[in-house]
């Protein structure tokens, strides 16, 4: 992971004016920026020069943003910030389920985009520094390395998935509401907590023996979720 002074950002946006504005603001903030206008160019750019953060328009020519998320997640855990003109919850959830870490609904404020990119990089680079490893059943969290292992094998987690699972591992056998998880794991003070449910579903596919019958991350209907220490054994 590059530091904030020279982090690499891939901007994928077909609106030329908006793309130019975002590039200018990000470069002014000290980032190295590559910008492309369609999905095929985005996948090629991400392969040739892997970015630290991807700023991705949902509706772009060629391969759309949701499909790009899916493909990038097969090879990269770099944070993906999705730009969407679609305000309906199920449309935003599509992007989160495909692997996006966060989203912004258009029209966007360039300064907000820069701050969100910085925040994603800061959380990726610094969270857990100096914290001792935590072992719970077959899972081991090493915060300083941002690694969670299951039976000694590294789990392939996105930034949001890592932060969510790390939060639950730090606070097992306790029911957490969506709001508590969003605040404790991601630092959200407000917003659409549907991202919690989306990331829980994705996590279960990676940590449960049978995701259709979860025993590690259990739902407590009407209240939230808990990490069951018995289920981690």
Protein backbone atom coordinates (compact mmCIF):
# COMPACT_ATOMS: atom_id res chain seq x y z
CA UNK A 1 0.00 0.00 0.00
CA UNK A 2 1.37 3.39 -1.01
CA UNK A 3 1.28 6.23 1.50
CA UNK A 4 -1.15 9.10 1.12
CA UNK A 5 1.43 11.34 -0.53
CA UNK A 6 1.74 9.19 -3.64
CA UNK A 7 -1.24 6.83 -3.59
CA UNK A 8 -2.42 5.70 -7.02
CA UNK A 9 -6.03 6.40 -7.95
CA UNK A 10 -7.73 4.97 -11.03
CA UNK A 11 -10.63 7.19 -12.14
CA UNK A 12 -13.20 5.49 -14.39
CA UNK A 13 -15.71 8.06 -15.65
CA UNK A 14 -17.12 8.61 -19.15
CA UNK A 15 -18.26 12.20 -18.52
CA UNK A 16 -15.23 14.13 -19.78
CA UNK A 17 -15.91 17.27 -17.76
CA UNK A 18 -16.45 15.42 -14.49
CA UNK A 19 -13.46 13.17 -15.16
CA UNK A 20 -11.19 16.20 -15.69
CA UNK A 21 -12.45 17.87 -12.51
CA UNK A 22 -11.92 14.75 -10.39
CA UNK A 23 -8.43 14.23 -11.80
CA UNK A 24 -7.49 17.85 -11.08
CA UNK A 25 -8.72 17.72 -7.48
CA UNK A 26 -7.04 14.38 -6.77
CA UNK A 27 -3.72 15.48 -8.25
CA UNK A 28 -3.90 18.71 -6.27
CA UNK A 29 -4.27 16.55 -3.15
CA UNK A 30 -1.04 14.74 -4.05
CA UNK A 31 -2.31 11.56 -5.67
CA UNK A 32 -0.97 9.90 -8.79
CA UNK A 33 -4.01 9.58 -11.06
CA UNK A 34 -4.82 7.55 -14.15
CA UNK A 35 -8.14 8.27 -15.85
CA UNK A 36 -10.08 6.20 -18.39
CA UNK A 37 -13.50 6.53 -19.98
CA UNK A 38 -14.80 2.98 -20.44
CA UNK A 39 -14.91 -0.39 -18.75
CA UNK A 40 -12.47 -2.23 -20.99
CA UNK A 41 -9.82 0.46 -20.51
CA UNK A 42 -10.44 0.33 -16.75
CA UNK A 43 -9.75 -3.40 -16.54
CA UNK A 44 -6.61 -3.04 -18.65
CA UNK A 45 -5.33 -0.12 -16.56
CA UNK A 46 -5.98 -1.96 -13.29
CA UNK A 47 -4.02 -4.95 -14.59
CA UNK A 48 -1.03 -3.02 -15.93
CA UNK A 49 -0.67 -0.65 -12.97
CA UNK A 50 -2.66 -1.85 -9.93
CA UNK A 51 -4.23 1.15 -8.17
CA UNK A 52 -4.51 1.81 -4.44
CA UNK A 53 -8.07 3.11 -4.87
CA UNK A 54 -10.56 2.84 -7.74
CA UNK A 55 -13.06 5.65 -8.32
CA UNK A 56 -15.66 4.02 -10.54
CA UNK A 57 -18.75 5.30 -12.35
CA UNK A 58 -21.51 2.71 -12.23
CA UNK A 59 -22.88 3.46 -15.71
CA UNK A 60 -20.00 3.48 -18.19
CA UNK A 61 -19.62 2.17 -21.76
CA UNK A 62 -18.22 -1.27 -22.45
CA UNK A 63 -18.19 -3.18 -19.18
CA UNK A 64 -20.43 -1.52 -16.60
CA UNK A 65 -19.28 -0.56 -13.12
CA UNK A 66 -20.93 -3.46 -11.31
CA UNK A 67 -19.25 -6.02 -13.56
CA UNK A 68 -15.91 -4.22 -13.18
CA UNK A 69 -16.28 -4.55 -9.40
CA UNK A 70 -16.82 -8.28 -9.74
CA UNK A 71 -13.81 -8.74 -12.01
CA UNK A 72 -11.50 -6.57 -9.93
CA UNK A 73 -12.42 -8.49 -6.80
CA UNK A 74 -11.01 -11.68 -8.33
CA UNK A 75 -7.50 -10.16 -8.33
CA UNK A 76 -7.48 -7.09 -6.06
CA UNK A 77 -8.59 -5.92 -2.62
CA UNK A 78 -8.04 -2.23 -3.43
CA UNK A 79 -10.89 -0.05 -2.13
CA UNK A 80 -13.55 0.75 -4.74
CA UNK A 81 -15.61 3.94 -4.44
CA UNK A 82 -18.65 3.73 -6.71
CA UNK A 83 -20.21 6.82 -8.28
CA UNK A 84 -23.87 6.27 -9.04
CA UNK A 85 -26.74 8.38 -10.35
CA UNK A 86 -29.14 5.73 -9.08
CA UNK A 87 -30.73 6.62 -5.78
CA UNK A 88 -32.78 3.49 -5.14
CA UNK A 89 -31.40 1.26 -2.35
CA UNK A 90 -31.49 -1.96 -4.40
CA UNK A 91 -29.48 -0.28 -7.16
CA UNK A 92 -26.77 0.80 -4.70
CA UNK A 93 -26.78 -2.62 -3.09
CA UNK A 94 -25.96 -4.22 -6.47
CA UNK A 95 -22.63 -2.39 -6.43
CA UNK A 96 -21.88 -3.25 -2.82
CA UNK A 97 -22.66 -6.91 -3.41
CA UNK A 98 -20.32 -6.89 -6.41
CA UNK A 99 -17.44 -5.71 -4.22
CA UNK A 100 -17.59 -1.91 -3.94
CA UNK A 101 -16.52 -0.58 -0.55
CA UNK A 102 -18.54 2.62 -0.61
CA UNK A 103 -20.66 4.72 -2.94
CA UNK A 104 -21.50 8.35 -3.64
CA UNK A 105 -24.73 9.42 -5.34
CA UNK A 106 -24.32 11.95 -8.15
CA UNK A 107 -24.09 14.89 -8.46
CA UNK A 108 -20.80 14.66 -6.57
CA UNK A 109 -18.76 17.31 -4.79
CA UNK A 110 -15.11 16.89 -5.84
CA UNK A 111 -13.80 17.84 -2.39
CA UNK A 112 -15.98 15.14 -0.82
CA UNK A 113 -14.58 12.59 -3.25
CA UNK A 114 -11.02 13.54 -2.30
CA UNK A 115 -11.84 13.24 1.41
CA UNK A 116 -13.44 9.84 0.92
CA UNK A 117 -10.42 8.59 -1.01
CA UNK A 118 -8.10 9.84 1.74
CA UNK A 119 -10.24 8.21 4.40
CA UNK A 120 -10.25 4.86 2.59
CA UNK A 121 -6.46 4.94 2.30
CA UNK A 122 -6.00 6.02 5.91
CA UNK A 123 -8.17 3.21 7.22
CA UNK A 124 -6.37 0.70 5.02
CA UNK A 125 -2.90 1.90 6.02
CA UNK A 126 -3.22 2.64 9.71
CA UNK A 127 -6.05 0.70 11.32
CA UNK A 128 -4.76 -1.77 13.88
CA UNK A 129 -1.18 -0.47 14.04
CA UNK A 130 0.33 -1.57 17.36
CA UNK A 131 -2.61 -3.80 18.30
CA UNK A 132 -1.84 -7.36 19.39
CA UNK A 133 -3.11 -10.32 17.36
CA UNK A 134 -6.45 -11.85 18.37
CA UNK A 135 -7.22 -15.56 18.09
CA UNK A 136 -10.77 -16.85 18.29
CA UNK A 137 -11.33 -20.48 17.38
CA UNK A 138 -9.93 -21.10 13.92
CA UNK A 139 -9.64 -17.38 13.14
CA UNK A 140 -6.60 -15.19 13.83
CA UNK A 141 -6.64 -11.42 13.34
CA UNK A 142 -3.26 -9.69 12.92
CA UNK A 143 -4.22 -5.99 12.84
CA UNK A 144 -0.77 -4.59 12.05
CA UNK A 145 -0.63 -6.67 8.86
CA UNK A 146 -4.37 -6.30 8.15
CA UNK A 147 -4.68 -10.07 7.83
CA UNK A 148 -7.33 -12.48 9.07
CA UNK A 149 -6.59 -16.18 8.78
CA UNK A 150 -8.82 -19.21 8.99
CA UNK A 151 -6.92 -22.34 10.03
CA UNK A 152 -3.69 -20.59 9.04
CA UNK A 153 -4.86 -19.56 5.56
CA UNK A 154 -5.27 -15.87 4.70
CA UNK A 155 -8.83 -14.85 3.92
CA UNK A 156 -9.29 -12.79 0.76
CA UNK A 157 -11.32 -9.86 2.10
CA UNK A 158 -12.18 -6.44 0.77
CA UNK A 159 -11.41 -3.40 2.92
CA UNK A 160 -15.00 -3.22 4.22
CA UNK A 161 -15.17 -6.97 4.85
CA UNK A 162 -11.89 -6.93 6.76
CA UNK A 163 -12.95 -4.02 8.95
CA UNK A 164 -16.35 -5.56 9.67
CA UNK A 165 -14.97 -9.01 10.54
CA UNK A 166 -12.16 -7.48 12.62
CA UNK A 167 -14.75 -5.49 14.59
CA UNK A 168 -16.78 -8.63 15.28
CA UNK A 169 -13.67 -10.62 16.27
CA UNK A 170 -12.80 -7.89 18.77
CA UNK A 171 -16.31 -8.01 20.25
CA UNK A 172 -17.57 -11.62 20.11
CA UNK A 173 -20.74 -13.01 21.72
CA UNK A 174 -22.42 -9.63 21.75
CA UNK A 175 -25.34 -8.45 19.63
CA UNK A 176 -24.56 -5.39 17.52
CA UNK A 177 -27.11 -3.35 15.60
CA UNK A 178 -26.39 -2.31 12.02
CA UNK A 179 -25.72 1.21 13.26
CA UNK A 180 -23.22 -0.03 15.87
CA UNK A 181 -21.40 -2.11 13.27
CA UNK A 182 -21.27 0.72 10.73
CA UNK A 183 -19.93 3.08 13.39
CA UNK A 184 -17.52 0.68 15.07
CA UNK A 185 -16.15 -0.97 11.94
CA UNK A 186 -16.19 1.89 9.44
CA UNK A 187 -16.52 5.06 11.48
CA UNK A 188 -19.88 5.95 9.95
CA UNK A 189 -21.90 8.36 12.06
CA UNK A 190 -24.93 8.18 9.77
CA UNK A 191 -25.95 6.80 6.41
CA UNK A 192 -27.48 3.82 4.64
CA UNK A 193 -26.79 0.79 6.85
CA UNK A 194 -27.84 -1.63 4.10
CA UNK A 195 -24.10 -1.89 3.40
CA UNK A 196 -23.78 -3.83 6.67
CA UNK A 197 -26.20 -6.53 5.54
CA UNK A 198 -24.51 -6.74 2.13
CA UNK A 199 -21.06 -7.20 3.64
CA UNK A 200 -22.35 -9.72 6.18
CA UNK A 201 -23.72 -11.81 3.31
CA UNK A 202 -20.39 -11.64 1.48
CA UNK A 203 -18.43 -12.47 4.63
CA UNK A 204 -20.54 -15.53 5.31
CA UNK A 205 -19.57 -16.94 1.93
CA UNK A 206 -15.93 -16.76 3.04
CA UNK A 207 -16.05 -17.75 6.73
CA UNK A 208 -19.03 -20.08 7.20
CA UNK A 209 -18.93 -23.85 6.62
CA UNK A 210 -22.39 -23.40 5.07
CA UNK A 211 -23.38 -19.79 4.33
CA UNK A 212 -27.06 -20.77 4.17
CA UNK A 213 -26.86 -21.92 7.81
CA UNK A 214 -24.50 -19.46 9.50
CA UNK A 215 -22.93 -20.46 12.81
CA UNK A 216 -20.10 -17.90 12.93
CA UNK A 217 -21.95 -14.65 12.19
CA UNK A 218 -25.48 -15.13 13.45
CA UNK A 219 -28.49 -12.93 12.82
CA UNK A 220 -30.51 -11.90 15.85
CA UNK A 221 -33.80 -10.91 14.29
CA UNK A 222 -34.91 -7.40 15.10
CA UNK A 223 -31.63 -6.56 16.82
CA UNK A 224 -28.62 -7.16 14.56
CA UNK A 225 -25.74 -9.63 14.40
CA UNK A 226 -23.30 -11.37 16.69
CA UNK A 227 -20.12 -13.35 16.20
CA UNK A 228 -20.68 -16.64 18.03
CA UNK A 229 -17.41 -17.87 19.54
CA UNK A 230 -18.79 -21.42 19.66
CA UNK A 231 -19.22 -21.34 15.89
CA UNK A 232 -15.59 -20.36 15.29
CA UNK A 233 -14.24 -23.69 16.58
